[in-house]
Structures are given as structure tokens and as C-alpha cells.
Amino acid sequence: MDAFSAVLDGPRARGAFLLRLVLSPPWGVRVEDEAPLTVITVVSGSACLVDEDGEPLSLTAGDVALVRGPRPYLFADSPDSQPQVRVDPEQRCWSLEDGRSLVDEMSIGVRTWGNADLTDDDADVCLVGAYDLTSQITPLLVGLLPRSAVTRGHDWTSPVRDLLVAEVGRDAAGQGVVLDRLLDLVLIEALRHWFTTRAADAPTWWLAAEHDLVGPAIRAMQTDPSRGWTVAVLAREAGMSRAAFARRFHELVGTPPMTFLTQWRLSLAADLLRDTDVTVAAVARDVGYGSPFALSAAFTRRYSASPTAYRRHARRPA
């Protein structure tokens, strides 16, 4: 596994909210769902994202937009269109005119909602997938995105976007899991494209991972966190002297090697505690701590909660 794969494995949909919108202009939806991240794919027609603090962002067929929450925004056919619908934090739709629920009234098929029919050539068709991102790995990438990040249709080379479009209306056994995985792949492709083509926005470790000398050390730490890494061992991995490696790593990444390693290990530990039933001792071993007590001390300093308390809170029903 390379360094990118190790981090891209963090954002993962689990029963993500996914809906196909079929709307005849003029239309406007005020989104107040507080989702940490939303993936919008324009299937046909066009759309516009209007943030309260930014310029309108126009989208056309084939574009994929990542919208970072939780602030509200307007999703519409045009920046001049007024919202008729409000989406609340429970992903329920309400009329802004009289407050009535529109969930059932505008349902027009499996995971499909709107005021038009799919056969209507004038309708704008979009897929909207809302993530509830709880991975501690996620901020390493998603947290560095701008409010809206768009991959234009002409830059999109992966087939996963079209596979998601084809699958969203199906009602087959296990379809929810299929859609979660396809949505993940669309997100990963969009993230990869964004940070590969916009070096100024990329995290320092992402750029450093491409460095001929420091890159191998970053990949080694991310793919084998349980190994007993030291600066001297990492320097040998990079083919450098200890002092030269430590200095160059800090210059490129912004933190010392051991600080980077600790942050990575604790992020992995948090995800393991939330997503698995393995013991704290096993988590400690998997991420490179010699004992559960050593993990607990480091974990509590970072998250202000013991591993056991963190697991209990992370799994508590909302």
C-alpha cells in the first residue's frame, strides 16, 4: 500500500445518504443538513452552488463537486433562483412556503426525488451523497479541501462516476453496500485528482511523499505503523544520515518524523477502536505501541479520553 492509499482508505461511507434529484428549473434547495462532506455529481443539465461567503460555482454535466460542511449553502439551477425547499440535519425535505414535508410528496422512485420525470429533457439530474465522516484519518485530506472542490467532467477519466449513476436507481439485494463503495470510489478519485493537480492546496506530507529520499520513509511509516521506527531506522530507509534526514523531513512535512509517526498511529488507533471489536492491547500492538498502557497515555493526551472511553462514545447512538 502506498502513502496515498493508506490515507484514502480513511473516508468510508457506511449507509451514506444518497439521492438522485430530478428537478425542472427554476429550482432551489437550501441545504442545512450539516453533513461534513457532500459529493455532488451532475448527471445532466446544470446546477449551481451558492455559498453565503463565496462566489457562485456553476456545474455542468459530468462535473463532480465536493462540498465541505457543516455550513448551509444553496443548491440551485441558477444563482438567481430562490430556494423552495429546505433540507434539515436529518436529511428531511420541507417546503419553505408553508413548512409541509416534501419527502413523500416529491418521491418519484427508488432513491429518486424531485418535481420532474427522468424522461423530461429539460430537467436537471444530479446525484447527492452525504457523508458522516468520523474517521480520524479523514482530516489529513478532507480537512484541507476548500469549501467547494470541483473536478470538471472533461478531466474525469475513471469509470466509477458512471457506475454510480447507473446503480443509484436499482433496488437489489445488498444495493446499499454497493452504492457506499461506489460513492467511496468517486470520492477517492475526486480527492486524488484535486490534490494531484493543485499542489498549492495539497497537504505537505502528500508532496513530501513524492520526494525521492523522504517519500520512502513516509510510505514505510504509513504502511507498517507497528514497526519499531526510530529516526535512525527511517534515515536508513531514506539512504540519508540521521541528522540530514531529520532536517529534510521537518522542512518538507512541517513536523519531526516521530511527531508525524505518533499522529498517524493515534489516528489509526482511533479508527480501529471505533470500527472494530479488537482489544485495546491488540490495537496497541497493531499501531506500534509496546503495551496498552503506553497507547492509553498517548491516546488520552491527544483525544482527552482513554481508548475505552473513546470507543464507548464513538459507538453511542446519535
C-alpha atoms as a PDB file:
ATOM      1  CA  MET A   1       0.000   0.000   0.000  1.00  0.00           C
ATOM      2  CA  ASP A   2       1.402   3.432  -0.904  1.00  0.00           C
ATOM      3  CA  ALA A   3       1.088   6.530   1.245  1.00  0.00           C
ATOM      4  CA  PHE A   4      -1.893   7.866  -0.687  1.00  0.00           C
ATOM      5  CA  SER A   5      -3.809   4.603  -0.383  1.00  0.00           C
ATOM      6  CA  ALA A   6      -3.227   4.461   3.357  1.00  0.00           C
ATOM      7  CA  VAL A   7      -4.906   7.832   3.868  1.00  0.00           C
ATOM      8  CA  LEU A   8      -7.560   7.483   1.172  1.00  0.00           C
ATOM      9  CA  ASP A   9      -8.712   4.345   2.962  1.00  0.00           C
ATOM     10  CA  GLY A  10      -9.943   6.534   5.838  1.00  0.00           C
ATOM     11  CA  PRO A  11     -13.036   8.234   4.342  1.00  0.00           C
ATOM     12  CA  ARG A  12     -15.574   5.444   4.044  1.00  0.00           C
ATOM     13  CA  ALA A  13     -19.323   5.538   3.561  1.00  0.00           C
ATOM     14  CA  ARG A  14     -21.429   3.470   5.940  1.00  0.00           C
ATOM     15  CA  GLY A  15     -25.070   3.707   4.977  1.00  0.00           C
ATOM     16  CA  ALA A  16     -24.420   7.080   3.352  1.00  0.00           C
ATOM     17  CA  PHE A  17     -27.373   9.237   2.337  1.00  0.00           C
ATOM     18  CA  LEU A  18     -27.566   9.027  -1.458  1.00  0.00           C
ATOM     19  CA  LEU A  19     -30.301  10.564  -3.580  1.00  0.00           C
ATOM     20  CA  ARG A  20     -30.915  11.282  -7.254  1.00  0.00           C
ATOM     21  CA  LEU A  21     -32.501  14.700  -7.788  1.00  0.00           C
ATOM     22  CA  VAL A  22     -34.642  15.313 -10.875  1.00  0.00           C
ATOM     23  CA  LEU A  23     -35.676  18.966 -10.918  1.00  0.00           C
ATOM     24  CA  SER A  24     -37.230  21.195 -13.539  1.00  0.00           C
ATOM     25  CA  PRO A  25     -35.964  24.822 -13.482  1.00  0.00           C
ATOM     26  CA  PRO A  26     -36.300  27.101 -11.752  1.00  0.00           C
ATOM     27  CA  TRP A  27     -35.438  25.221  -8.588  1.00  0.00           C
ATOM     28  CA  GLY A  28     -33.521  25.894  -5.402  1.00  0.00           C
ATOM     29  CA  VAL A  29     -32.705  23.821  -2.320  1.00  0.00           C
ATOM     30  CA  ARG A  30     -31.307  25.338   0.851  1.00  0.00           C
ATOM     31  CA  VAL A  31     -29.091  22.624   2.347  1.00  0.00           C
ATOM     32  CA  GLU A  32     -28.853  22.731   6.140  1.00  0.00           C
ATOM     33  CA  ASP A  33     -28.020  19.060   6.715  1.00  0.00           C
ATOM     34  CA  GLU A  34     -24.696  19.840   8.472  1.00  0.00           C
ATOM     35  CA  ALA A  35     -23.019  16.950   6.626  1.00  0.00           C
ATOM     36  CA  PRO A  36     -19.208  17.093   6.998  1.00  0.00           C
ATOM     37  CA  LEU A  37     -18.791  16.265   3.315  1.00  0.00           C
ATOM     38  CA  THR A  38     -21.176  16.043   0.368  1.00  0.00           C
ATOM     39  CA  VAL A  39     -20.396  14.578  -3.056  1.00  0.00           C
ATOM     40  CA  ILE A  40     -22.463  16.057  -5.882  1.00  0.00           C
ATOM     41  CA  THR A  41     -22.436  14.616  -9.400  1.00  0.00           C
ATOM     42  CA  VAL A  42     -24.242  16.435 -12.189  1.00  0.00           C
ATOM     43  CA  VAL A  43     -25.685  13.746 -14.457  1.00  0.00           C
ATOM     44  CA  SER A  44     -27.411  16.002 -16.981  1.00  0.00           C
ATOM     45  CA  GLY A  45     -28.327  19.645 -17.283  1.00  0.00           C
ATOM     46  CA  SER A  46     -26.591  22.058 -14.925  1.00  0.00           C
ATOM     47  CA  ALA A  47     -26.595  23.314 -11.347  1.00  0.00           C
ATOM     48  CA  CYS A  48     -25.058  25.956  -9.152  1.00  0.00           C
ATOM     49  CA  LEU A  49     -23.596  26.030  -5.647  1.00  0.00           C
ATOM     50  CA  VAL A  50     -24.008  29.302  -3.783  1.00  0.00           C
ATOM     51  CA  ASP A  51     -22.138  29.687  -0.513  1.00  0.00           C
ATOM     52  CA  GLU A  52     -23.008  32.529   1.844  1.00  0.00           C
ATOM     53  CA  ASP A  53     -19.366  33.663   1.905  1.00  0.00           C
ATOM     54  CA  GLY A  54     -18.271  32.953  -1.665  1.00  0.00           C
ATOM     55  CA  GLU A  55     -18.947  33.332  -5.360  1.00  0.00           C
ATOM     56  CA  PRO A  56     -21.499  31.099  -7.101  1.00  0.00           C
ATOM     57  CA  LEU A  57     -19.965  27.954  -8.541  1.00  0.00           C
ATOM     58  CA  SER A  58     -21.506  26.707 -11.787  1.00  0.00           C
ATOM     59  CA  LEU A  59     -21.626  22.978 -12.511  1.00  0.00           C
ATOM     60  CA  THR A  60     -22.352  21.198 -15.777  1.00  0.00           C
ATOM     61  CA  ALA A  61     -22.966  17.596 -16.788  1.00  0.00           C
ATOM     62  CA  GLY A  62     -20.124  15.312 -15.735  1.00  0.00           C
ATOM     63  CA  ASP A  63     -18.769  17.598 -13.003  1.00  0.00           C
ATOM     64  CA  VAL A  64     -18.183  16.196  -9.518  1.00  0.00           C
ATOM     65  CA  ALA A  65     -18.175  18.652  -6.601  1.00  0.00           C
ATOM     66  CA  LEU A  66     -17.022  18.024  -3.035  1.00  0.00           C
ATOM     67  CA  VAL A  67     -18.721  20.364  -0.575  1.00  0.00           C
ATOM     68  CA  ARG A  68     -17.216  20.608   2.882  1.00  0.00           C
ATOM     69  CA  GLY A  69     -19.689  21.263   5.722  1.00  0.00           C
ATOM     70  CA  PRO A  70     -21.255  21.927   8.024  1.00  0.00           C
ATOM     71  CA  ARG A  71     -22.257  25.443   6.930  1.00  0.00           C
ATOM     72  CA  PRO A  72     -25.500  25.762   4.904  1.00  0.00           C
ATOM     73  CA  TYR A  73     -25.483  26.535   1.194  1.00  0.00           C
ATOM     74  CA  LEU A  74     -27.873  26.950  -1.726  1.00  0.00           C
ATOM     75  CA  PHE A  75     -28.004  24.277  -4.404  1.00  0.00           C
ATOM     76  CA  ALA A  76     -29.988  25.558  -7.390  1.00  0.00           C
ATOM     77  CA  ASP A  77     -30.283  25.739 -11.150  1.00  0.00           C
ATOM     78  CA  SER A  78     -29.091  29.353 -11.118  1.00  0.00           C
ATOM     79  CA  PRO A  79     -27.584  31.750  -8.548  1.00  0.00           C
ATOM     80  CA  ASP A  80     -30.675  33.924  -9.026  1.00  0.00           C
ATOM     81  CA  SER A  81     -33.152  31.175  -8.135  1.00  0.00           C
ATOM     82  CA  GLN A  82     -34.847  31.354  -4.765  1.00  0.00           C
ATOM     83  CA  PRO A  83     -34.932  28.220  -2.586  1.00  0.00           C
ATOM     84  CA  GLN A  84     -38.265  26.444  -2.382  1.00  0.00           C
ATOM     85  CA  VAL A  85     -37.024  23.512  -0.307  1.00  0.00           C
ATOM     86  CA  ARG A  86     -35.056  23.190   2.919  1.00  0.00           C
ATOM     87  CA  VAL A  87     -33.058  20.060   3.826  1.00  0.00           C
ATOM     88  CA  ASP A  88     -32.659  19.631   7.594  1.00  0.00           C
ATOM     89  CA  PRO A  89     -29.939  17.784   9.565  1.00  0.00           C
ATOM     90  CA  GLU A  90     -31.991  14.559   9.352  1.00  0.00           C
ATOM     91  CA  GLN A  91     -31.979  14.765   5.526  1.00  0.00           C
ATOM     92  CA  ARG A  92     -35.698  15.566   5.512  1.00  0.00           C
ATOM     93  CA  CYS A  93     -37.097  17.970   2.923  1.00  0.00           C
ATOM     94  CA  TRP A  94     -39.516  20.756   3.830  1.00  0.00           C
ATOM     95  CA  SER A  95     -41.401  23.356   1.816  1.00  0.00           C
ATOM     96  CA  LEU A  96     -40.142  26.874   2.576  1.00  0.00           C
ATOM     97  CA  GLU A  97     -43.509  28.219   1.512  1.00  0.00           C
ATOM     98  CA  ASP A  98     -45.731  26.515   4.069  1.00  0.00           C
ATOM     99  CA  GLY A  99     -43.449  24.186   6.080  1.00  0.00           C
ATOM    100  CA  ARG A 100     -45.007  20.916   4.897  1.00  0.00           C
ATOM    101  CA  SER A 101     -42.941  17.787   4.455  1.00  0.00           C
ATOM    102  CA  LEU A 102     -41.944  17.013   0.871  1.00  0.00           C
ATOM    103  CA  VAL A 103     -40.257  13.667   1.491  1.00  0.00           C
ATOM    104  CA  ASP A 104     -43.143  11.556   0.188  1.00  0.00           C
ATOM    105  CA  GLU A 105     -44.830  14.160  -1.964  1.00  0.00           C
ATOM    106  CA  MET A 106     -41.812  14.553  -4.289  1.00  0.00           C
ATOM    107  CA  SER A 107     -40.596  10.954  -4.205  1.00  0.00           C
ATOM    108  CA  ILE A 108     -40.563   9.625  -7.769  1.00  0.00           C
ATOM    109  CA  GLY A 109     -38.818   6.264  -7.492  1.00  0.00           C
ATOM    110  CA  VAL A 110     -36.004   4.365  -5.842  1.00  0.00           C
ATOM    111  CA  ARG A 111     -33.635   6.929  -4.275  1.00  0.00           C
ATOM    112  CA  THR A 112     -35.110   9.496  -6.658  1.00  0.00           C
ATOM    113  CA  TRP A 113     -36.762  12.778  -5.691  1.00  0.00           C
ATOM    114  CA  GLY A 114     -37.909  15.879  -7.490  1.00  0.00           C
ATOM    115  CA  ASN A 115     -40.571  17.746  -9.417  1.00  0.00           C
ATOM    116  CA  ALA A 116     -39.979  16.216 -12.857  1.00  0.00           C
ATOM    117  CA  ASP A 117     -39.614  12.877 -14.583  1.00  0.00           C
ATOM    118  CA  LEU A 118     -36.396  11.227 -15.724  1.00  0.00           C
ATOM    119  CA  THR A 119     -37.725  11.366 -19.280  1.00  0.00           C
ATOM    120  CA  ASP A 120     -38.010  15.161 -19.117  1.00  0.00           C
ATOM    121  CA  ASP A 121     -35.200  16.521 -21.311  1.00  0.00           C
ATOM    122  CA  ASP A 122     -35.368  19.921 -19.617  1.00  0.00           C
ATOM    123  CA  ALA A 123     -34.831  18.567 -16.096  1.00  0.00           C
ATOM    124  CA  ASP A 124     -31.539  18.855 -14.249  1.00  0.00           C
ATOM    125  CA  VAL A 125     -30.433  15.489 -12.832  1.00  0.00           C
ATOM    126  CA  CYS A 126     -27.888  15.273 -10.015  1.00  0.00           C
ATOM    127  CA  LEU A 127     -26.686  12.676  -7.519  1.00  0.00           C
ATOM    128  CA  VAL A 128     -26.109  13.869  -3.974  1.00  0.00           C
ATOM    129  CA  GLY A 129     -24.220  11.725  -1.464  1.00  0.00           C
ATOM    130  CA  ALA A 130     -23.787  12.978   2.102  1.00  0.00           C
ATOM    131  CA  TYR A 131     -21.017  11.529   4.267  1.00  0.00           C
ATOM    132  CA  ASP A 132     -20.971  11.257   8.028  1.00  0.00           C
ATOM    133  CA  LEU A 133     -17.182  11.270   8.306  1.00  0.00           C
ATOM    134  CA  THR A 134     -15.936  10.066  11.667  1.00  0.00           C
ATOM    135  CA  SER A 135     -12.540   8.672  10.649  1.00  0.00           C
ATOM    136  CA  GLN A 136      -9.605  10.345  12.368  1.00  0.00           C
ATOM    137  CA  ILE A 137      -7.634   9.855   9.142  1.00  0.00           C
ATOM    138  CA  THR A 138     -10.085  11.984   7.193  1.00  0.00           C
ATOM    139  CA  PRO A 139      -8.813  15.433   8.287  1.00  0.00           C
ATOM    140  CA  LEU A 140      -5.431  14.607   6.752  1.00  0.00           C
ATOM    141  CA  LEU A 141      -7.093  15.102   3.362  1.00  0.00           C
ATOM    142  CA  VAL A 142     -10.683  16.300   3.551  1.00  0.00           C
ATOM    143  CA  GLY A 143      -9.870  18.899   6.211  1.00  0.00           C
ATOM    144  CA  LEU A 144      -7.532  20.609   3.753  1.00  0.00           C
ATOM    145  CA  LEU A 145     -10.090  20.988   0.969  1.00  0.00           C
ATOM    146  CA  PRO A 146     -11.582  24.392   0.190  1.00  0.00           C
ATOM    147  CA  ARG A 147     -15.283  24.911   0.826  1.00  0.00           C
ATOM    148  CA  SER A 148     -16.059  23.531  -2.658  1.00  0.00           C
ATOM    149  CA  ALA A 149     -13.696  21.473  -4.795  1.00  0.00           C
ATOM    150  CA  VAL A 150     -14.773  20.598  -8.342  1.00  0.00           C
ATOM    151  CA  THR A 151     -13.421  18.047 -10.774  1.00  0.00           C
ATOM    152  CA  ARG A 152     -14.699  19.006 -14.194  1.00  0.00           C
ATOM    153  CA  GLY A 153     -16.248  16.375 -16.413  1.00  0.00           C
ATOM    154  CA  HIS A 154     -13.591  16.733 -19.096  1.00  0.00           C
ATOM    155  CA  ASP A 155     -10.899  15.925 -16.510  1.00  0.00           C
ATOM    156  CA  TRP A 156     -12.672  12.803 -15.263  1.00  0.00           C
ATOM    157  CA  THR A 157     -11.109   9.606 -16.601  1.00  0.00           C
ATOM    158  CA  SER A 158     -12.320   6.956 -14.135  1.00  0.00           C
ATOM    159  CA  PRO A 159     -15.448   4.860 -14.887  1.00  0.00           C
ATOM    160  CA  VAL A 160     -16.645   4.909 -11.255  1.00  0.00           C
ATOM    161  CA  ARG A 161     -18.738   8.065 -11.634  1.00  0.00           C
ATOM    162  CA  ASP A 162     -20.785   6.488 -14.435  1.00  0.00           C
ATOM    163  CA  LEU A 163     -21.110   3.226 -12.491  1.00  0.00           C
ATOM    164  CA  LEU A 164     -22.594   5.139  -9.551  1.00  0.00           C
ATOM    165  CA  VAL A 165     -25.030   6.912 -11.874  1.00  0.00           C
ATOM    166  CA  ALA A 166     -26.112   3.576 -13.338  1.00  0.00           C
ATOM    167  CA  GLU A 167     -26.570   1.868  -9.957  1.00  0.00           C
ATOM    168  CA  VAL A 168     -28.350   4.519  -7.900  1.00  0.00           C
ATOM    169  CA  GLY A 169     -31.850   3.695  -9.150  1.00  0.00           C
ATOM    170  CA  ARG A 170     -31.563  -0.057  -8.703  1.00  0.00           C
ATOM    171  CA  ASP A 171     -33.331  -1.844  -5.869  1.00  0.00           C
ATOM    172  CA  ALA A 172     -31.380  -5.083  -5.479  1.00  0.00           C
ATOM    173  CA  ALA A 173     -30.168  -7.116  -2.514  1.00  0.00           C
ATOM    174  CA  GLY A 174     -27.147  -5.516  -0.895  1.00  0.00           C
ATOM    175  CA  GLN A 175     -27.566  -2.397  -3.006  1.00  0.00           C
ATOM    176  CA  GLY A 176     -26.806  -0.085  -0.109  1.00  0.00           C
ATOM    177  CA  VAL A 177     -23.347  -1.581   0.312  1.00  0.00           C
ATOM    178  CA  VAL A 178     -22.697  -1.426  -3.437  1.00  0.00           C
ATOM    179  CA  LEU A 179     -23.631   2.253  -3.510  1.00  0.00           C
ATOM    180  CA  ASP A 180     -21.479   3.025  -0.456  1.00  0.00           C
ATOM    181  CA  ARG A 181     -18.438   1.511  -2.126  1.00  0.00           C
ATOM    182  CA  LEU A 182     -19.082   3.263  -5.438  1.00  0.00           C
ATOM    183  CA  LEU A 183     -19.558   6.567  -3.638  1.00  0.00           C
ATOM    184  CA  ASP A 184     -16.238   5.948  -1.862  1.00  0.00           C
ATOM    185  CA  LEU A 185     -14.509   5.386  -5.189  1.00  0.00           C
ATOM    186  CA  VAL A 186     -15.953   8.595  -6.641  1.00  0.00           C
ATOM    187  CA  LEU A 187     -14.748  10.500  -3.577  1.00  0.00           C
ATOM    188  CA  ILE A 188     -11.277   8.947  -3.739  1.00  0.00           C
ATOM    189  CA  GLU A 189     -10.933   9.732  -7.438  1.00  0.00           C
ATOM    190  CA  ALA A 190     -12.027  13.340  -6.852  1.00  0.00           C
ATOM    191  CA  LEU A 191      -9.603  13.762  -3.934  1.00  0.00           C
ATOM    192  CA  ARG A 192      -6.756  12.228  -5.879  1.00  0.00           C
ATOM    193  CA  HIS A 193      -7.384  14.489  -8.856  1.00  0.00           C
ATOM    194  CA  TRP A 194      -7.750  17.612  -6.718  1.00  0.00           C
ATOM    195  CA  PHE A 195      -4.520  17.235  -4.772  1.00  0.00           C
ATOM    196  CA  THR A 196      -2.528  15.926  -7.725  1.00  0.00           C
ATOM    197  CA  THR A 197      -3.429  18.897  -9.924  1.00  0.00           C
ATOM    198  CA  ARG A 198      -3.364  21.595  -7.220  1.00  0.00           C
ATOM    199  CA  ALA A 199      -0.049  21.300  -5.425  1.00  0.00           C
ATOM    200  CA  ALA A 200      -0.616  24.584  -3.590  1.00  0.00           C
ATOM    201  CA  ASP A 201      -3.617  23.064  -1.794  1.00  0.00           C
ATOM    202  CA  ALA A 202      -2.099  19.661  -1.100  1.00  0.00           C
ATOM    203  CA  PRO A 203      -1.001  18.676   2.404  1.00  0.00           C
ATOM    204  CA  THR A 204       2.746  18.888   2.973  1.00  0.00           C
ATOM    205  CA  TRP A 205       3.061  15.147   3.603  1.00  0.00           C
ATOM    206  CA  TRP A 206       1.357  14.430   0.251  1.00  0.00           C
ATOM    207  CA  LEU A 207       4.002  16.439  -1.590  1.00  0.00           C
ATOM    208  CA  ALA A 208       6.799  15.066   0.580  1.00  0.00           C
ATOM    209  CA  ALA A 209       5.687  11.505  -0.213  1.00  0.00           C
ATOM    210  CA  GLU A 210       6.807  12.169  -3.786  1.00  0.00           C
ATOM    211  CA  HIS A 211      10.281  13.226  -2.654  1.00  0.00           C
ATOM    212  CA  ASP A 212      12.968  10.775  -3.747  1.00  0.00           C
ATOM    213  CA  LEU A 213      14.505  10.478  -0.283  1.00  0.00           C
ATOM    214  CA  VAL A 214      11.831  11.389   2.271  1.00  0.00           C
ATOM    215  CA  GLY A 215       8.991   9.713   0.356  1.00  0.00           C
ATOM    216  CA  PRO A 216      10.074   6.119   1.087  1.00  0.00           C
ATOM    217  CA  ALA A 217      10.168   6.866   4.817  1.00  0.00           C
ATOM    218  CA  ILE A 218       6.644   8.331   4.791  1.00  0.00           C
ATOM    219  CA  ARG A 219       5.300   5.344   2.881  1.00  0.00           C
ATOM    220  CA  ALA A 220       7.065   2.966   5.253  1.00  0.00           C
ATOM    221  CA  MET A 221       5.541   4.571   8.357  1.00  0.00           C
ATOM    222  CA  GLN A 222       2.041   4.677   6.887  1.00  0.00           C
ATOM    223  CA  THR A 223       2.043   1.123   5.590  1.00  0.00           C
ATOM    224  CA  ASP A 224       3.785  -0.509   8.581  1.00  0.00           C
ATOM    225  CA  PRO A 225       2.989   1.580  11.670  1.00  0.00           C
ATOM    226  CA  SER A 226       3.600  -1.333  14.070  1.00  0.00           C
ATOM    227  CA  ARG A 227       7.301  -1.480  13.284  1.00  0.00           C
ATOM    228  CA  GLY A 228       9.667  -0.057  15.875  1.00  0.00           C
ATOM    229  CA  TRP A 229      10.603   3.008  13.880  1.00  0.00           C
ATOM    230  CA  THR A 230      13.320   5.395  15.030  1.00  0.00           C
ATOM    231  CA  VAL A 231      14.818   8.369  13.254  1.00  0.00           C
ATOM    232  CA  ALA A 232      17.947   6.316  12.628  1.00  0.00           C
ATOM    233  CA  VAL A 233      15.958   3.447  11.051  1.00  0.00           C
ATOM    234  CA  LEU A 234      13.938   5.860   8.916  1.00  0.00           C
ATOM    235  CA  ALA A 235      17.120   7.607   7.806  1.00  0.00           C
ATOM    236  CA  ARG A 236      18.485   4.277   6.615  1.00  0.00           C
ATOM    237  CA  GLU A 237      15.209   3.709   4.755  1.00  0.00           C
ATOM    238  CA  ALA A 238      15.798   7.036   3.015  1.00  0.00           C
ATOM    239  CA  GLY A 239      19.506   6.423   2.458  1.00  0.00           C
ATOM    240  CA  MET A 240      20.498   9.517   4.423  1.00  0.00           C
ATOM    241  CA  SER A 241      22.359  10.370   7.584  1.00  0.00           C
ATOM    242  CA  ARG A 242      20.230  10.702  10.700  1.00  0.00           C
ATOM    243  CA  ALA A 243      20.744  14.458  11.030  1.00  0.00           C
ATOM    244  CA  ALA A 244      20.228  15.191   7.326  1.00  0.00           C
ATOM    245  CA  PHE A 245      17.063  13.070   7.233  1.00  0.00           C
ATOM    246  CA  ALA A 246      15.538  14.686  10.330  1.00  0.00           C
ATOM    247  CA  ARG A 247      16.256  18.169   8.989  1.00  0.00           C
ATOM    248  CA  ARG A 248      14.927  17.460   5.496  1.00  0.00           C
ATOM    249  CA  PHE A 249      11.798  15.681   6.806  1.00  0.00           C
ATOM    250  CA  HIS A 250      10.947  18.649   9.036  1.00  0.00           C
ATOM    251  CA  GLU A 251      11.486  21.076   6.156  1.00  0.00           C
ATOM    252  CA  LEU A 252       9.188  19.161   3.806  1.00  0.00           C
ATOM    253  CA  VAL A 253       6.467  17.874   6.158  1.00  0.00           C
ATOM    254  CA  GLY A 254       6.435  20.588   8.800  1.00  0.00           C
ATOM    255  CA  THR A 255       6.847  18.240  11.779  1.00  0.00           C
ATOM    256  CA  PRO A 256       9.647  15.986  13.047  1.00  0.00           C
ATOM    257  CA  PRO A 257       9.492  12.348  11.889  1.00  0.00           C
ATOM    258  CA  MET A 258       8.477  10.957  15.271  1.00  0.00           C
ATOM    259  CA  THR A 259       5.710  13.547  15.678  1.00  0.00           C
ATOM    260  CA  PHE A 260       4.328  12.598  12.269  1.00  0.00           C
ATOM    261  CA  LEU A 261       4.507   8.912  13.202  1.00  0.00           C
ATOM    262  CA  THR A 262       2.729   9.470  16.522  1.00  0.00           C
ATOM    263  CA  GLN A 263      -0.090  11.405  14.855  1.00  0.00           C
ATOM    264  CA  TRP A 264      -0.516   8.677  12.270  1.00  0.00           C
ATOM    265  CA  ARG A 265      -0.505   5.874  14.843  1.00  0.00           C
ATOM    266  CA  LEU A 266      -3.054   7.560  17.086  1.00  0.00           C
ATOM    267  CA  SER A 267      -5.361   8.344  14.153  1.00  0.00           C
ATOM    268  CA  LEU A 268      -5.251   4.692  13.127  1.00  0.00           C
ATOM    269  CA  ALA A 269      -5.869   3.622  16.715  1.00  0.00           C
ATOM    270  CA  ALA A 270      -8.957   5.847  16.945  1.00  0.00           C
ATOM    271  CA  ASP A 271     -10.398   4.326  13.779  1.00  0.00           C
ATOM    272  CA  LEU A 272      -9.707   0.780  14.980  1.00  0.00           C
ATOM    273  CA  LEU A 273     -11.402   1.497  18.290  1.00  0.00           C
ATOM    274  CA  ARG A 274     -14.470   2.869  16.526  1.00  0.00           C
ATOM    275  CA  ASP A 275     -14.743   0.311  13.730  1.00  0.00           C
ATOM    276  CA  THR A 276     -13.621  -2.989  15.268  1.00  0.00           C
ATOM    277  CA  ASP A 277     -14.065  -5.053  18.410  1.00  0.00           C
ATOM    278  CA  VAL A 278     -10.383  -5.879  18.884  1.00  0.00           C
ATOM    279  CA  THR A 279      -8.987  -5.327  22.352  1.00  0.00           C
ATOM    280  CA  VAL A 280      -7.080  -2.220  23.319  1.00  0.00           C
ATOM    281  CA  ALA A 281      -3.991  -4.426  23.651  1.00  0.00           C
ATOM    282  CA  ALA A 282      -4.426  -5.605  20.055  1.00  0.00           C
ATOM    283  CA  VAL A 283      -4.926  -2.034  18.841  1.00  0.00           C
ATOM    284  CA  ALA A 284      -1.753  -1.003  20.652  1.00  0.00           C
ATOM    285  CA  ARG A 285       0.178  -3.814  19.013  1.00  0.00           C
ATOM    286  CA  ASP A 286      -1.245  -3.050  15.550  1.00  0.00           C
ATOM    287  CA  VAL A 287      -0.245   0.608  15.623  1.00  0.00           C
ATOM    288  CA  GLY A 288       3.176   0.198  17.203  1.00  0.00           C
ATOM    289  CA  TYR A 289       2.790   0.679  20.958  1.00  0.00           C
ATOM    290  CA  GLY A 290       4.523  -1.762  23.272  1.00  0.00           C
ATOM    291  CA  SER A 291       1.616  -2.038  25.702  1.00  0.00           C
ATOM    292  CA  PRO A 292      -1.984  -0.893  26.128  1.00  0.00           C
ATOM    293  CA  PHE A 293      -0.770   1.399  28.903  1.00  0.00           C
ATOM    294  CA  ALA A 294       1.622   3.188  26.555  1.00  0.00           C
ATOM    295  CA  LEU A 295      -1.143   3.599  23.974  1.00  0.00           C
ATOM    296  CA  SER A 296      -3.595   4.795  26.611  1.00  0.00           C
ATOM    297  CA  ALA A 297      -1.238   7.501  27.844  1.00  0.00           C
ATOM    298  CA  ALA A 298      -0.526   8.854  24.352  1.00  0.00           C
ATOM    299  CA  PHE A 299      -4.142   8.473  23.235  1.00  0.00           C
ATOM    300  CA  THR A 300      -5.518  10.314  26.264  1.00  0.00           C
ATOM    301  CA  ARG A 301      -3.123  13.219  25.723  1.00  0.00           C
ATOM    302  CA  ARG A 302      -4.396  13.667  22.170  1.00  0.00           C
ATOM    303  CA  TYR A 303      -8.114  12.900  22.499  1.00  0.00           C
ATOM    304  CA  SER A 304      -8.724  13.802  26.147  1.00  0.00           C
ATOM    305  CA  ALA A 305     -10.273  10.368  26.642  1.00  0.00           C
ATOM    306  CA  SER A 306      -8.951   6.894  27.274  1.00  0.00           C
ATOM    307  CA  PRO A 307      -9.206   4.365  24.431  1.00  0.00           C
ATOM    308  CA  THR A 308     -12.084   2.616  26.216  1.00  0.00           C
ATOM    309  CA  ALA A 309     -13.992   5.851  26.801  1.00  0.00           C
ATOM    310  CA  TYR A 310     -13.375   6.965  23.221  1.00  0.00           C
ATOM    311  CA  ARG A 311     -14.728   3.675  21.853  1.00  0.00           C
ATOM    312  CA  ARG A 312     -17.831   3.907  24.050  1.00  0.00           C
ATOM    313  CA  HIS A 313     -18.541   7.478  22.962  1.00  0.00           C
ATOM    314  CA  ALA A 314     -17.829   6.853  19.261  1.00  0.00           C
ATOM    315  CA  ARG A 315     -20.315   3.993  19.158  1.00  0.00           C
ATOM    316  CA  ARG A 316     -23.028   5.696  21.150  1.00  0.00           C
ATOM    317  CA  PRO A 317     -26.209   6.126  19.087  1.00  0.00           C
ATOM    318  CA  ALA A 318     -26.816   9.696  17.967  1.00  0.00           C
END
